């Protein structure tokens, strides 16, 4: 989602708006607040799912730990990549 948001922001910056600048600034603040909230909800949902891995038949504590570790490493790499 981070890559898509950056692309949308870049495209918005390139275009000129027929709207009043104050209205566009308010719209941009609302867009960014909505994107932030959606990101938080997605993270919360994923953490809930990761917390219930042992409930899936065939996944024990060791496998659940490996999956969580893999997910967190993947997210760390993505965050570093997005910060570039």
PDB file of N, CA and C in Angstrom:
ATOM      1  N   UNK A   1       0.801  -1.184   0.000  1.00  0.00           N
ATOM      2  CA  UNK A   1       0.000   0.000   0.000  1.00  0.00           C
ATOM      3  C   UNK A   1       0.854   1.262   0.000  1.00  0.00           C
ATOM      4  N   UNK A   2       2.003   1.193   0.606  1.00  0.00           N
ATOM      5  CA  UNK A   2       2.867   2.364   0.673  1.00  0.00           C
ATOM      6  C   UNK A   2       3.273   2.857  -0.704  1.00  0.00           C
ATOM      7  N   UNK A   3       3.585   1.919  -1.601  1.00  0.00           N
ATOM      8  CA  UNK A   3       4.010   2.295  -2.948  1.00  0.00           C
ATOM      9  C   UNK A   3       2.867   2.974  -3.702  1.00  0.00           C
ATOM     10  N   UNK A   4       1.666   2.451  -3.546  1.00  0.00           N
ATOM     11  CA  UNK A   4       0.510   3.029  -4.217  1.00  0.00           C
ATOM     12  C   UNK A   4       0.224   4.430  -3.699  1.00  0.00           C
ATOM     13  N   UNK A   5       0.324   4.610  -2.385  1.00  0.00           N
ATOM     14  CA  UNK A   5       0.079   5.937  -1.818  1.00  0.00           C
ATOM     15  C   UNK A   5       1.087   6.954  -2.326  1.00  0.00           C
ATOM     16  N   UNK A   6       2.355   6.556  -2.391  1.00  0.00           N
ATOM     17  CA  UNK A   6       3.372   7.476  -2.902  1.00  0.00           C
ATOM     18  C   UNK A   6       3.079   7.843  -4.348  1.00  0.00           C
ATOM     19  N   UNK A   7       2.637   6.874  -5.138  1.00  0.00           N
ATOM     20  CA  UNK A   7       2.323   7.135  -6.539  1.00  0.00           C
ATOM     21  C   UNK A   7       1.149   8.111  -6.655  1.00  0.00           C
ATOM     22  N   UNK A   8       0.119   7.907  -5.852  1.00  0.00           N
ATOM     23  CA  UNK A   8      -1.033   8.804  -5.867  1.00  0.00           C
ATOM     24  C   UNK A   8      -0.609  10.208  -5.467  1.00  0.00           C
ATOM     25  N   UNK A   9       0.209  10.316  -4.417  1.00  0.00           N
ATOM     26  CA  UNK A   9       0.665  11.629  -3.957  1.00  0.00           C
ATOM     27  C   UNK A   9       1.479  12.338  -5.035  1.00  0.00           C
ATOM     28  N   UNK A  10       2.372  11.598  -5.711  1.00  0.00           N
ATOM     29  CA  UNK A  10       3.175  12.207  -6.770  1.00  0.00           C
ATOM     30  C   UNK A  10       2.287  12.722  -7.897  1.00  0.00           C
ATOM     31  N   UNK A  11       1.285  11.931  -8.271  1.00  0.00           N
ATOM     32  CA  UNK A  11       0.395  12.352  -9.345  1.00  0.00           C
ATOM     33  C   UNK A  11      -0.434  13.566  -8.943  1.00  0.00           C
ATOM     34  N   UNK A  12      -0.846  13.622  -7.664  1.00  0.00           N
ATOM     35  CA  UNK A  12      -1.602  14.779  -7.196  1.00  0.00           C
ATOM     36  C   UNK A  12      -0.751  16.035  -7.221  1.00  0.00           C
ATOM     37  N   UNK A  13       0.535  15.895  -6.905  1.00  0.00           N
ATOM     38  CA  UNK A  13       1.426  17.050  -6.886  1.00  0.00           C
ATOM     39  C   UNK A  13       1.675  17.594  -8.292  1.00  0.00           C
ATOM     40  N   UNK A  14       1.617  16.730  -9.297  1.00  0.00           N
ATOM     41  CA  UNK A  14       1.880  17.154 -10.668  1.00  0.00           C
ATOM     42  C   UNK A  14       0.711  17.924 -11.272  1.00  0.00           C
ATOM     43  N   UNK A  15      -0.497  17.553 -10.909  1.00  0.00           N
ATOM     44  CA  UNK A  15      -1.659  18.175 -11.535  1.00  0.00           C
ATOM     45  C   UNK A  15      -2.019  19.486 -10.839  1.00  0.00           C
ATOM     46  N   UNK A  16      -2.521  20.382 -11.627  1.00  0.00           N
ATOM     47  CA  UNK A  16      -2.991  21.633 -11.046  1.00  0.00           C
ATOM     48  C   UNK A  16      -4.471  21.474 -10.744  1.00  0.00           C
ATOM     49  N   UNK A  17      -4.897  22.051  -9.668  1.00  0.00           N
ATOM     50  CA  UNK A  17      -6.271  21.890  -9.230  1.00  0.00           C
ATOM     51  C   UNK A  17      -7.094  23.134  -9.581  1.00  0.00           C
ATOM     52  N   UNK A  18      -8.306  22.915 -10.062  1.00  0.00           N
ATOM     53  CA  UNK A  18      -9.198  24.050 -10.310  1.00  0.00           C
ATOM     54  C   UNK A  18      -9.838  24.539  -9.005  1.00  0.00           C
ATOM     55  N   UNK A  19      -9.626  23.779  -7.900  1.00  0.00           N
ATOM     56  CA  UNK A  19     -10.227  24.119  -6.624  1.00  0.00           C
ATOM     57  C   UNK A  19      -9.365  25.115  -5.854  1.00  0.00           C
ATOM     58  N   UNK A  20      -9.965  25.719  -4.927  1.00  0.00           N
ATOM     59  CA  UNK A  20      -9.282  26.666  -4.057  1.00  0.00           C
ATOM     60  C   UNK A  20      -8.182  25.925  -3.283  1.00  0.00           C
ATOM     61  N   UNK A  21      -6.994  26.486  -3.147  1.00  0.00           N
ATOM     62  CA  UNK A  21      -5.878  25.797  -2.467  1.00  0.00           C
ATOM     63  C   UNK A  21      -6.204  25.363  -1.036  1.00  0.00           C
ATOM     64  N   UNK A  22      -7.002  26.151  -0.328  1.00  0.00           N
ATOM     65  CA  UNK A  22      -7.357  25.766   1.038  1.00  0.00           C
ATOM     66  C   UNK A  22      -8.239  24.523   1.051  1.00  0.00           C
ATOM     67  N   UNK A  23      -9.121  24.418   0.079  1.00  0.00           N
ATOM     68  CA  UNK A  23      -9.986  23.240  -0.024  1.00  0.00           C
ATOM     69  C   UNK A  23      -9.142  22.013  -0.354  1.00  0.00           C
ATOM     70  N   UNK A  24      -8.203  22.171  -1.262  1.00  0.00           N
ATOM     71  CA  UNK A  24      -7.342  21.042  -1.624  1.00  0.00           C
ATOM     72  C   UNK A  24      -6.460  20.625  -0.447  1.00  0.00           C
ATOM     73  N   UNK A  25      -5.977  21.585   0.329  1.00  0.00           N
ATOM     74  CA  UNK A  25      -5.159  21.258   1.499  1.00  0.00           C
ATOM     75  C   UNK A  25      -5.979  20.463   2.504  1.00  0.00           C
ATOM     76  N   UNK A  26      -7.229  20.864   2.701  1.00  0.00           N
ATOM     77  CA  UNK A  26      -8.107  20.127   3.616  1.00  0.00           C
ATOM     78  C   UNK A  26      -8.373  18.721   3.083  1.00  0.00           C
ATOM     79  N   UNK A  27      -8.610  18.607   1.775  1.00  0.00           N
ATOM     80  CA  UNK A  27      -8.838  17.300   1.175  1.00  0.00           C
ATOM     81  C   UNK A  27      -7.610  16.406   1.351  1.00  0.00           C
ATOM     82  N   UNK A  28      -6.421  16.973   1.126  1.00  0.00           N
ATOM     83  CA  UNK A  28      -5.191  16.198   1.281  1.00  0.00           C
ATOM     84  C   UNK A  28      -5.019  15.722   2.716  1.00  0.00           C
ATOM     85  N   UNK A  29      -5.319  16.590   3.695  1.00  0.00           N
ATOM     86  CA  UNK A  29      -5.230  16.178   5.099  1.00  0.00           C
ATOM     87  C   UNK A  29      -6.196  15.032   5.385  1.00  0.00           C
ATOM     88  N   UNK A  30      -7.401  15.130   4.849  1.00  0.00           N
ATOM     89  CA  UNK A  30      -8.392  14.063   5.035  1.00  0.00           C
ATOM     90  C   UNK A  30      -7.952  12.766   4.387  1.00  0.00           C
ATOM     91  N   UNK A  31      -7.393  12.867   3.180  1.00  0.00           N
ATOM     92  CA  UNK A  31      -6.901  11.682   2.481  1.00  0.00           C
ATOM     93  C   UNK A  31      -5.801  11.003   3.284  1.00  0.00           C
ATOM     94  N   UNK A  32      -4.852  11.786   3.777  1.00  0.00           N
ATOM     95  CA  UNK A  32      -3.745  11.225   4.542  1.00  0.00           C
ATOM     96  C   UNK A  32      -4.214  10.635   5.861  1.00  0.00           C
ATOM     97  N   UNK A  33      -5.178  11.273   6.508  1.00  0.00           N
ATOM     98  CA  UNK A  33      -5.724  10.736   7.763  1.00  0.00           C
ATOM     99  C   UNK A  33      -6.433   9.411   7.502  1.00  0.00           C
ATOM    100  N   UNK A  34      -7.179   9.340   6.416  1.00  0.00           N
ATOM    101  CA  UNK A  34      -7.868   8.095   6.056  1.00  0.00           C
ATOM    102  C   UNK A  34      -6.889   6.984   5.723  1.00  0.00           C
ATOM    103  N   UNK A  35      -5.834   7.318   5.003  1.00  0.00           N
ATOM    104  CA  UNK A  35      -4.823   6.318   4.655  1.00  0.00           C
ATOM    105  C   UNK A  35      -4.123   5.806   5.914  1.00  0.00           C
ATOM    106  N   UNK A  36      -3.848   6.708   6.838  1.00  0.00           N
ATOM    107  CA  UNK A  36      -3.195   6.311   8.090  1.00  0.00           C
ATOM    108  C   UNK A  36      -4.101   5.382   8.894  1.00  0.00           C
ATOM    109  N   UNK A  37      -5.377   5.738   8.986  1.00  0.00           N
ATOM    110  CA  UNK A  37      -6.313   4.907   9.734  1.00  0.00           C
ATOM    111  C   UNK A  37      -6.459   3.534   9.080  1.00  0.00           C
ATOM    112  N   UNK A  38      -6.525   3.487   7.764  1.00  0.00           N
ATOM    113  CA  UNK A  38      -6.635   2.207   7.067  1.00  0.00           C
ATOM    114  C   UNK A  38      -5.406   1.344   7.325  1.00  0.00           C
ATOM    115  N   UNK A  39      -4.236   1.956   7.315  1.00  0.00           N
ATOM    116  CA  UNK A  39      -2.998   1.237   7.591  1.00  0.00           C
ATOM    117  C   UNK A  39      -3.025   0.657   8.999  1.00  0.00           C
ATOM    118  N   UNK A  40      -3.491   1.441   9.973  1.00  0.00           N
ATOM    119  CA  UNK A  40      -3.577   0.961  11.353  1.00  0.00           C
ATOM    120  C   UNK A  40      -4.551  -0.211  11.476  1.00  0.00           C
ATOM    121  N   UNK A  41      -5.697  -0.112  10.790  1.00  0.00           N
ATOM    122  CA  UNK A  41      -6.671  -1.198  10.835  1.00  0.00           C
ATOM    123  C   UNK A  41      -6.122  -2.466  10.182  1.00  0.00           C
ATOM    124  N   UNK A  42      -5.420  -2.316   9.065  1.00  0.00           N
ATOM    125  CA  UNK A  42      -4.808  -3.471   8.404  1.00  0.00           C
ATOM    126  C   UNK A  42      -3.791  -4.141   9.312  1.00  0.00           C
ATOM    127  N   UNK A  43      -2.987  -3.329   9.990  1.00  0.00           N
ATOM    128  CA  UNK A  43      -1.976  -3.871  10.898  1.00  0.00           C
ATOM    129  C   UNK A  43      -2.638  -4.600  12.062  1.00  0.00           C
ATOM    130  N   UNK A  44      -3.681  -4.008  12.623  1.00  0.00           N
ATOM    131  CA  UNK A  44      -4.392  -4.625  13.738  1.00  0.00           C
ATOM    132  C   UNK A  44      -4.989  -5.971  13.313  1.00  0.00           C
ATOM    133  N   UNK A  45      -5.597  -6.016  12.137  1.00  0.00           N
ATOM    134  CA  UNK A  45      -6.181  -7.254  11.628  1.00  0.00           C
ATOM    135  C   UNK A  45      -5.115  -8.335  11.440  1.00  0.00           C
ATOM    136  N   UNK A  46      -3.977  -7.953  10.879  1.00  0.00           N
ATOM    137  CA  UNK A  46      -2.899  -8.923  10.656  1.00  0.00           C
ATOM    138  C   UNK A  46      -2.351  -9.441  11.980  1.00  0.00           C
ATOM    139  N   UNK A  47      -2.225  -8.561  12.986  1.00  0.00           N
ATOM    140  CA  UNK A  47      -1.730  -8.989  14.287  1.00  0.00           C
ATOM    141  C   UNK A  47      -2.716  -9.956  14.956  1.00  0.00           C
ATOM    142  N   UNK A  48      -4.007  -9.706  14.809  1.00  0.00           N
ATOM    143  CA  UNK A  48      -5.002 -10.638  15.342  1.00  0.00           C
ATOM    144  C   UNK A  48      -4.853 -12.000  14.679  1.00  0.00           C
ATOM    145  N   UNK A  49      -4.683 -12.010  13.362  1.00  0.00           N
ATOM    146  CA  UNK A  49      -4.537 -13.262  12.628  1.00  0.00           C
ATOM    147  C   UNK A  49      -3.275 -13.998  13.070  1.00  0.00           C
ATOM    148  N   UNK A  50      -2.172 -13.265  13.213  1.00  0.00           N
ATOM    149  CA  UNK A  50      -0.927 -13.893  13.650  1.00  0.00           C
ATOM    150  C   UNK A  50      -1.063 -14.459  15.066  1.00  0.00           C
ATOM    151  N   UNK A  51      -1.887 -13.841  15.892  1.00  0.00           N
ATOM    152  CA  UNK A  51      -2.092 -14.324  17.249  1.00  0.00           C
ATOM    153  C   UNK A  51      -2.901 -15.605  17.316  1.00  0.00           C
ATOM    154  N   UNK A  52      -3.620 -15.923  16.249  1.00  0.00           N
ATOM    155  CA  UNK A  52      -4.483 -17.108  16.242  1.00  0.00           C
ATOM    156  C   UNK A  52      -3.941 -18.236  15.362  1.00  0.00           C
ATOM    157  N   UNK A  53      -2.680 -18.179  15.011  1.00  0.00           N
ATOM    158  CA  UNK A  53      -2.120 -19.188  14.105  1.00  0.00           C
ATOM    159  C   UNK A  53      -2.229 -20.606  14.649  1.00  0.00           C
ATOM    160  N   UNK A  54      -2.056 -20.774  15.961  1.00  0.00           N
ATOM    161  CA  UNK A  54      -2.098 -22.111  16.550  1.00  0.00           C
ATOM    162  C   UNK A  54      -3.468 -22.759  16.428  1.00  0.00           C
ATOM    163  N   UNK A  55      -4.503 -21.966  16.190  1.00  0.00           N
ATOM    164  CA  UNK A  55      -5.851 -22.509  16.043  1.00  0.00           C
ATOM    165  C   UNK A  55      -6.039 -23.212  14.703  1.00  0.00           C
ATOM    166  N   UNK A  56      -5.162 -22.971  13.754  1.00  0.00           N
ATOM    167  CA  UNK A  56      -5.250 -23.608  12.445  1.00  0.00           C
ATOM    168  C   UNK A  56      -4.726 -25.033  12.582  1.00  0.00           C
ATOM    169  N   UNK A  57      -5.515 -26.037  12.141  1.00  0.00           N
ATOM    170  CA  UNK A  57      -5.063 -27.424  12.252  1.00  0.00           C
ATOM    171  C   UNK A  57      -3.735 -27.631  11.522  1.00  0.00           C
ATOM    172  N   UNK A  58      -2.817 -28.288  12.193  1.00  0.00           N
ATOM    173  CA  UNK A  58      -1.519 -28.587  11.603  1.00  0.00           C
ATOM    174  C   UNK A  58      -0.445 -27.560  11.915  1.00  0.00           C
ATOM    175  N   UNK A  59      -0.799 -26.469  12.563  1.00  0.00           N
ATOM    176  CA  UNK A  59       0.196 -25.461  12.925  1.00  0.00           C
ATOM    177  C   UNK A  59       0.359 -25.468  14.440  1.00  0.00           C
ATOM    178  N   UNK A  60       1.541 -25.844  14.855  1.00  0.00           N
ATOM    179  CA  UNK A  60       1.857 -25.861  16.275  1.00  0.00           C
ATOM    180  C   UNK A  60       2.628 -24.611  16.661  1.00  0.00           C
ATOM    181  N   UNK A  61       3.102 -24.581  17.907  1.00  0.00           N
ATOM    182  CA  UNK A  61       3.819 -23.399  18.387  1.00  0.00           C
ATOM    183  C   UNK A  61       5.083 -23.070  17.590  1.00  0.00           C
ATOM    184  N   UNK A  62       5.838 -24.115  17.198  1.00  0.00           N
ATOM    185  CA  UNK A  62       7.072 -23.851  16.443  1.00  0.00           C
ATOM    186  C   UNK A  62       6.785 -23.239  15.075  1.00  0.00           C
ATOM    187  N   UNK A  63       5.840 -23.828  14.364  1.00  0.00           N
ATOM    188  CA  UNK A  63       5.506 -23.320  13.028  1.00  0.00           C
ATOM    189  C   UNK A  63       4.898 -21.925  13.129  1.00  0.00           C
ATOM    190  N   UNK A  64       4.065 -21.693  14.135  1.00  0.00           N
ATOM    191  CA  UNK A  64       3.472 -20.364  14.318  1.00  0.00           C
ATOM    192  C   UNK A  64       4.572 -19.334  14.555  1.00  0.00           C
ATOM    193  N   UNK A  65       5.557 -19.689  15.352  1.00  0.00           N
ATOM    194  CA  UNK A  65       6.673 -18.779  15.623  1.00  0.00           C
ATOM    195  C   UNK A  65       7.428 -18.458  14.331  1.00  0.00           C
ATOM    196  N   UNK A  66       7.662 -19.481  13.509  1.00  0.00           N
ATOM    197  CA  UNK A  66       8.377 -19.264  12.239  1.00  0.00           C
ATOM    198  C   UNK A  66       7.599 -18.332  11.312  1.00  0.00           C
ATOM    199  N   UNK A  67       6.286 -18.541  11.248  1.00  0.00           N
ATOM    200  CA  UNK A  67       5.450 -17.700  10.386  1.00  0.00           C
ATOM    201  C   UNK A  67       5.480 -16.258  10.877  1.00  0.00           C
ATOM    202  N   UNK A  68       5.332 -16.057  12.180  1.00  0.00           N
ATOM    203  CA  UNK A  68       5.366 -14.703  12.742  1.00  0.00           C
ATOM    204  C   UNK A  68       6.712 -14.039  12.476  1.00  0.00           C
ATOM    205  N   UNK A  69       7.773 -14.804  12.691  1.00  0.00           N
ATOM    206  CA  UNK A  69       9.118 -14.273  12.470  1.00  0.00           C
ATOM    207  C   UNK A  69       9.303 -13.871  11.003  1.00  0.00           C
ATOM    208  N   UNK A  70       8.846 -14.716  10.096  1.00  0.00           N
ATOM    209  CA  UNK A  70       8.955 -14.434   8.668  1.00  0.00           C
ATOM    210  C   UNK A  70       8.164 -13.173   8.307  1.00  0.00           C
ATOM    211  N   UNK A  71       6.947 -13.061   8.820  1.00  0.00           N
ATOM    212  CA  UNK A  71       6.115 -11.898   8.527  1.00  0.00           C
ATOM    213  C   UNK A  71       6.771 -10.611   9.037  1.00  0.00           C
ATOM    214  N   UNK A  72       7.255 -10.637  10.271  1.00  0.00           N
ATOM    215  CA  UNK A  72       7.863  -9.440  10.845  1.00  0.00           C
ATOM    216  C   UNK A  72       9.145  -9.049  10.101  1.00  0.00           C
ATOM    217  N   UNK A  73       9.919 -10.017   9.669  1.00  0.00           N
ATOM    218  CA  UNK A  73      11.122  -9.725   8.887  1.00  0.00           C
ATOM    219  C   UNK A  73      10.738  -9.111   7.536  1.00  0.00           C
ATOM    220  N   UNK A  74       9.707  -9.675   6.915  1.00  0.00           N
ATOM    221  CA  UNK A  74       9.225  -9.148   5.639  1.00  0.00           C
ATOM    222  C   UNK A  74       8.778  -7.702   5.792  1.00  0.00           C
ATOM    223  N   UNK A  75       8.026  -7.400   6.850  1.00  0.00           N
ATOM    224  CA  UNK A  75       7.543  -6.045   7.081  1.00  0.00           C
ATOM    225  C   UNK A  75       8.697  -5.087   7.375  1.00  0.00           C
ATOM    226  N   UNK A  76       9.707  -5.541   8.102  1.00  0.00           N
ATOM    227  CA  UNK A  76      10.869  -4.700   8.384  1.00  0.00           C
ATOM    228  C   UNK A  76      11.592  -4.342   7.094  1.00  0.00           C
ATOM    229  N   UNK A  77      11.777  -5.334   6.212  1.00  0.00           N
ATOM    230  CA  UNK A  77      12.439  -5.076   4.930  1.00  0.00           C
ATOM    231  C   UNK A  77      11.621  -4.113   4.071  1.00  0.00           C
ATOM    232  N   UNK A  78      10.298  -4.273   4.074  1.00  0.00           N
ATOM    233  CA  UNK A  78       9.430  -3.397   3.301  1.00  0.00           C
ATOM    234  C   UNK A  78       9.517  -1.956   3.815  1.00  0.00           C
ATOM    235  N   UNK A  79       9.522  -1.798   5.141  1.00  0.00           N
ATOM    236  CA  UNK A  79       9.592  -0.465   5.730  1.00  0.00           C
ATOM    237  C   UNK A  79      10.901   0.202   5.336  1.00  0.00           C
ATOM    238  N   UNK A  80      12.003  -0.550   5.401  1.00  0.00           N
ATOM    239  CA  UNK A  80      13.304   0.008   5.005  1.00  0.00           C
ATOM    240  C   UNK A  80      13.281   0.388   3.537  1.00  0.00           C
ATOM    241  N   UNK A  81      12.684  -0.445   2.701  1.00  0.00           N
ATOM    242  CA  UNK A  81      12.632  -0.180   1.266  1.00  0.00           C
ATOM    243  C   UNK A  81      11.782   1.066   0.989  1.00  0.00           C
ATOM    244  N   UNK A  82      10.647   1.204   1.724  1.00  0.00           N
ATOM    245  CA  UNK A  82       9.762   2.350   1.521  1.00  0.00           C
ATOM    246  C   UNK A  82      10.388   3.660   1.995  1.00  0.00           C
ATOM    247  N   UNK A  83      11.298   3.594   2.957  1.00  0.00           N
ATOM    248  CA  UNK A  83      11.927   4.803   3.494  1.00  0.00           C
ATOM    249  C   UNK A  83      13.008   5.351   2.568  1.00  0.00           C
ATOM    250  N   UNK A  84      13.386   4.584   1.578  1.00  0.00           N
ATOM    251  CA  UNK A  84      14.414   5.053   0.644  1.00  0.00           C
ATOM    252  C   UNK A  84      13.909   6.143  -0.232  1.00  0.00           C
TER     253      UNK A  84
END
